[in-house]
Amino acid sequence: MAELGYDLNTHASKSLDEVRDMEFDYVVTMGCGDTCPFIAAKHRLDWQIPDPKHLEPAEFRQVRDLIERQVLDLLAQAGVQLVPQAS
């Protein structure tokens, strides 16, 4: 992500146990289908996206870019206005 200008060093994953009692507007799963744990949401989507974990860098970037396109499309559908970042 650093090559796209995102510093993920200040971010950390949360356990699903930490968010189990919350309801979200959207929950997106990525190819786990019925085996995904239940998280309360107004809208549930399952995107069939390959796990990039063991892919070569070029293939990893393709999956990363696919996720970005999907997220941007979802934000647009949800009516979220994105604010351009200053360079």
N, C-alpha and C. Protein backbone atom coordinates (compact mmCIF):
# COMPACT_ATOMS: atom_id res chain seq x y z
N MET A 1 0.83 -1.19 0.00
CA MET A 1 0.00 0.00 0.00
C MET A 1 0.87 1.25 0.00
N ALA A 2 2.08 1.12 0.51
CA ALA A 2 2.98 2.28 0.54
C ALA A 2 3.23 2.82 -0.87
N GLU A 3 3.27 1.94 -1.85
CA GLU A 3 3.51 2.42 -3.22
C GLU A 3 2.35 3.25 -3.76
N LEU A 4 1.19 3.19 -3.09
CA LEU A 4 0.06 4.04 -3.45
C LEU A 4 -0.07 5.25 -2.52
N GLY A 5 0.87 5.37 -1.58
CA GLY A 5 0.85 6.51 -0.68
C GLY A 5 0.08 6.29 0.62
N TYR A 6 -0.25 5.03 0.94
CA TYR A 6 -0.96 4.73 2.18
C TYR A 6 0.02 4.14 3.19
N ASP A 7 0.12 4.78 4.35
CA ASP A 7 0.95 4.27 5.42
C ASP A 7 0.06 3.48 6.37
N LEU A 8 0.20 2.17 6.36
CA LEU A 8 -0.64 1.32 7.20
C LEU A 8 0.00 1.01 8.55
N ASN A 9 1.13 1.63 8.86
CA ASN A 9 1.82 1.36 10.12
C ASN A 9 1.01 1.76 11.35
N THR A 10 0.09 2.71 11.20
CA THR A 10 -0.70 3.15 12.34
C THR A 10 -2.03 2.41 12.44
N HIS A 11 -2.25 1.43 11.57
CA HIS A 11 -3.50 0.66 11.56
C HIS A 11 -3.24 -0.74 12.09
N ALA A 12 -4.28 -1.30 12.69
CA ALA A 12 -4.17 -2.68 13.18
C ALA A 12 -5.51 -3.36 12.96
N SER A 13 -5.47 -4.65 12.72
CA SER A 13 -6.69 -5.43 12.57
C SER A 13 -7.41 -5.54 13.90
N LYS A 14 -8.71 -5.66 13.83
CA LYS A 14 -9.52 -5.91 15.03
C LYS A 14 -10.04 -7.34 14.95
N SER A 15 -10.18 -7.94 16.07
CA SER A 15 -10.83 -9.24 16.15
C SER A 15 -12.32 -9.05 15.93
N LEU A 16 -12.96 -10.02 15.31
CA LEU A 16 -14.42 -9.94 15.15
C LEU A 16 -15.12 -9.86 16.50
N ASP A 17 -14.49 -10.39 17.54
CA ASP A 17 -15.07 -10.30 18.87
C ASP A 17 -15.21 -8.85 19.33
N GLU A 18 -14.36 -7.96 18.82
CA GLU A 18 -14.41 -6.55 19.21
C GLU A 18 -15.56 -5.80 18.56
N VAL A 19 -16.13 -6.33 17.49
CA VAL A 19 -17.19 -5.63 16.77
C VAL A 19 -18.49 -6.44 16.72
N ARG A 20 -18.54 -7.52 17.43
CA ARG A 20 -19.68 -8.44 17.36
C ARG A 20 -21.01 -7.78 17.75
N ASP A 21 -21.00 -6.83 18.67
CA ASP A 21 -22.23 -6.20 19.15
C ASP A 21 -22.59 -4.93 18.38
N MET A 22 -21.88 -4.65 17.31
CA MET A 22 -22.15 -3.45 16.51
C MET A 22 -22.97 -3.83 15.27
N GLU A 23 -23.75 -2.87 14.76
CA GLU A 23 -24.40 -3.08 13.48
C GLU A 23 -23.80 -2.09 12.49
N PHE A 24 -23.48 -2.58 11.32
CA PHE A 24 -22.85 -1.76 10.30
C PHE A 24 -23.84 -1.48 9.18
N ASP A 25 -23.59 -0.42 8.42
CA ASP A 25 -24.40 -0.16 7.24
C ASP A 25 -24.11 -1.23 6.19
N TYR A 26 -22.84 -1.52 5.98
CA TYR A 26 -22.42 -2.51 4.98
C TYR A 26 -21.40 -3.46 5.59
N VAL A 27 -21.54 -4.73 5.27
CA VAL A 27 -20.51 -5.72 5.54
C VAL A 27 -20.20 -6.38 4.21
N VAL A 28 -18.93 -6.37 3.86
CA VAL A 28 -18.49 -6.99 2.61
C VAL A 28 -17.58 -8.15 2.96
N THR A 29 -17.95 -9.33 2.48
CA THR A 29 -17.08 -10.48 2.60
C THR A 29 -16.43 -10.71 1.24
N MET A 30 -15.32 -11.38 1.25
CA MET A 30 -14.56 -11.53 0.01
C MET A 30 -14.35 -13.00 -0.31
N GLY A 31 -15.45 -13.62 -0.74
CA GLY A 31 -15.35 -14.97 -1.25
C GLY A 31 -15.51 -16.08 -0.23
N CYS A 32 -15.95 -15.78 0.99
CA CYS A 32 -16.08 -16.86 1.96
C CYS A 32 -17.49 -17.44 2.00
N GLY A 33 -18.43 -16.80 1.34
CA GLY A 33 -19.78 -17.35 1.23
C GLY A 33 -20.41 -17.67 2.56
N ASP A 34 -20.93 -18.89 2.70
CA ASP A 34 -21.65 -19.29 3.91
C ASP A 34 -20.75 -19.51 5.11
N THR A 35 -19.44 -19.61 4.91
CA THR A 35 -18.55 -19.88 6.03
C THR A 35 -18.12 -18.61 6.77
N CYS A 36 -18.57 -17.46 6.31
CA CYS A 36 -18.21 -16.21 6.99
C CYS A 36 -18.96 -16.09 8.31
N PRO A 37 -18.30 -15.54 9.32
CA PRO A 37 -19.01 -15.31 10.58
C PRO A 37 -20.07 -14.24 10.38
N PHE A 38 -21.13 -14.30 11.17
CA PHE A 38 -22.20 -13.33 11.04
C PHE A 38 -21.84 -12.03 11.74
N ILE A 39 -21.97 -10.93 11.02
CA ILE A 39 -21.82 -9.59 11.56
C ILE A 39 -23.09 -8.84 11.15
N ALA A 40 -23.75 -8.19 12.10
CA ALA A 40 -25.00 -7.50 11.80
C ALA A 40 -24.75 -6.33 10.85
N ALA A 41 -25.59 -6.26 9.81
CA ALA A 41 -25.45 -5.19 8.83
C ALA A 41 -26.77 -4.95 8.12
N LYS A 42 -26.96 -3.69 7.69
CA LYS A 42 -28.14 -3.36 6.89
C LYS A 42 -28.01 -3.95 5.49
N HIS A 43 -26.78 -4.01 4.99
CA HIS A 43 -26.51 -4.54 3.66
C HIS A 43 -25.33 -5.50 3.74
N ARG A 44 -25.49 -6.67 3.13
CA ARG A 44 -24.41 -7.67 3.11
C ARG A 44 -24.06 -7.96 1.66
N LEU A 45 -22.79 -7.92 1.35
CA LEU A 45 -22.30 -8.20 0.01
C LEU A 45 -21.19 -9.24 0.09
N ASP A 46 -21.13 -10.12 -0.89
CA ASP A 46 -20.02 -11.07 -0.96
C ASP A 46 -19.35 -10.88 -2.31
N TRP A 47 -18.15 -10.35 -2.27
CA TRP A 47 -17.37 -10.14 -3.49
C TRP A 47 -16.47 -11.34 -3.69
N GLN A 48 -16.55 -11.95 -4.85
CA GLN A 48 -15.71 -13.10 -5.18
C GLN A 48 -14.33 -12.59 -5.60
N ILE A 49 -13.48 -12.41 -4.62
CA ILE A 49 -12.14 -11.86 -4.84
C ILE A 49 -11.12 -12.87 -4.35
N PRO A 50 -10.13 -13.19 -5.18
CA PRO A 50 -9.12 -14.16 -4.76
C PRO A 50 -8.29 -13.65 -3.58
N ASP A 51 -7.86 -14.58 -2.73
CA ASP A 51 -6.99 -14.24 -1.61
C ASP A 51 -5.61 -13.90 -2.18
N PRO A 52 -5.13 -12.68 -1.97
CA PRO A 52 -3.85 -12.28 -2.55
C PRO A 52 -2.62 -12.72 -1.76
N LYS A 53 -2.85 -13.38 -0.63
CA LYS A 53 -1.77 -13.67 0.33
C LYS A 53 -0.52 -14.28 -0.30
N HIS A 54 -0.66 -15.26 -1.18
CA HIS A 54 0.51 -15.94 -1.73
C HIS A 54 0.75 -15.63 -3.21
N LEU A 55 0.18 -14.55 -3.68
CA LEU A 55 0.34 -14.20 -5.09
C LEU A 55 1.66 -13.46 -5.33
N GLU A 56 2.11 -13.55 -6.56
CA GLU A 56 3.29 -12.77 -6.97
C GLU A 56 2.91 -11.29 -6.93
N PRO A 57 3.89 -10.39 -6.82
CA PRO A 57 3.59 -8.96 -6.68
C PRO A 57 2.64 -8.40 -7.74
N ALA A 58 2.83 -8.75 -9.00
CA ALA A 58 1.96 -8.20 -10.05
C ALA A 58 0.51 -8.67 -9.87
N GLU A 59 0.32 -9.94 -9.51
CA GLU A 59 -1.02 -10.47 -9.28
C GLU A 59 -1.63 -9.87 -8.02
N PHE A 60 -0.80 -9.68 -7.00
CA PHE A 60 -1.24 -9.06 -5.76
C PHE A 60 -1.79 -7.66 -6.06
N ARG A 61 -1.05 -6.90 -6.88
CA ARG A 61 -1.49 -5.54 -7.23
C ARG A 61 -2.82 -5.57 -7.98
N GLN A 62 -3.03 -6.57 -8.83
CA GLN A 62 -4.29 -6.68 -9.56
C GLN A 62 -5.46 -6.87 -8.58
N VAL A 63 -5.26 -7.71 -7.59
CA VAL A 63 -6.31 -7.94 -6.60
C VAL A 63 -6.52 -6.67 -5.77
N ARG A 64 -5.45 -6.04 -5.38
CA ARG A 64 -5.54 -4.78 -4.61
C ARG A 64 -6.33 -3.74 -5.41
N ASP A 65 -6.04 -3.62 -6.69
CA ASP A 65 -6.72 -2.64 -7.53
C ASP A 65 -8.19 -3.01 -7.75
N LEU A 66 -8.49 -4.30 -7.83
CA LEU A 66 -9.87 -4.76 -7.95
C LEU A 66 -10.65 -4.37 -6.69
N ILE A 67 -10.05 -4.59 -5.53
CA ILE A 67 -10.71 -4.21 -4.27
C ILE A 67 -10.95 -2.71 -4.24
N GLU A 68 -9.98 -1.93 -4.66
CA GLU A 68 -10.15 -0.47 -4.69
C GLU A 68 -11.33 -0.08 -5.58
N ARG A 69 -11.43 -0.66 -6.77
CA ARG A 69 -12.53 -0.34 -7.68
C ARG A 69 -13.88 -0.72 -7.06
N GLN A 70 -13.92 -1.89 -6.43
CA GLN A 70 -15.16 -2.35 -5.80
C GLN A 70 -15.58 -1.40 -4.66
N VAL A 71 -14.61 -0.99 -3.85
CA VAL A 71 -14.90 -0.09 -2.73
C VAL A 71 -15.39 1.27 -3.26
N LEU A 72 -14.72 1.80 -4.27
CA LEU A 72 -15.13 3.09 -4.83
C LEU A 72 -16.53 3.01 -5.43
N ASP A 73 -16.83 1.90 -6.11
CA ASP A 73 -18.18 1.70 -6.66
C ASP A 73 -19.22 1.64 -5.54
N LEU A 74 -18.91 0.92 -4.48
CA LEU A 74 -19.84 0.81 -3.35
C LEU A 74 -20.07 2.18 -2.71
N LEU A 75 -19.01 2.94 -2.51
CA LEU A 75 -19.16 4.28 -1.93
C LEU A 75 -20.04 5.16 -2.81
N ALA A 76 -19.85 5.08 -4.12
CA ALA A 76 -20.66 5.87 -5.05
C ALA A 76 -22.13 5.44 -4.97
N GLN A 77 -22.38 4.13 -4.93
CA GLN A 77 -23.75 3.62 -4.82
C GLN A 77 -24.40 4.05 -3.51
N ALA A 78 -23.60 4.17 -2.46
CA ALA A 78 -24.11 4.57 -1.15
C ALA A 78 -24.27 6.09 -1.04
N GLY A 79 -23.85 6.81 -2.08
CA GLY A 79 -23.99 8.27 -2.08
C GLY A 79 -22.91 9.00 -1.32
N VAL A 80 -21.79 8.35 -1.08
CA VAL A 80 -20.69 8.97 -0.35
C VAL A 80 -19.89 9.85 -1.30
N GLN A 81 -19.74 11.11 -0.94
CA GLN A 81 -18.93 12.03 -1.73
C GLN A 81 -17.50 11.99 -1.23
N LEU A 82 -16.58 11.66 -2.10
CA LEU A 82 -15.17 11.61 -1.72
C LEU A 82 -14.54 12.99 -1.89
N VAL A 83 -13.72 13.35 -0.91
CA VAL A 83 -13.01 14.62 -0.96
C VAL A 83 -11.63 14.35 -1.53
N PRO A 84 -11.25 15.02 -2.63
CA PRO A 84 -9.91 14.78 -3.19
C PRO A 84 -8.83 15.13 -2.18
N GLN A 85 -7.79 14.31 -2.15
CA GLN A 85 -6.67 14.55 -1.25
C GLN A 85 -5.73 15.58 -1.86
N ALA A 86 -5.19 16.45 -1.02
CA ALA A 86 -4.20 17.42 -1.48
C ALA A 86 -2.90 16.70 -1.74
N SER A 87 -2.22 17.07 -2.79
CA SER A 87 -0.93 16.43 -3.12
C SER A 87 0.19 17.09 -2.40
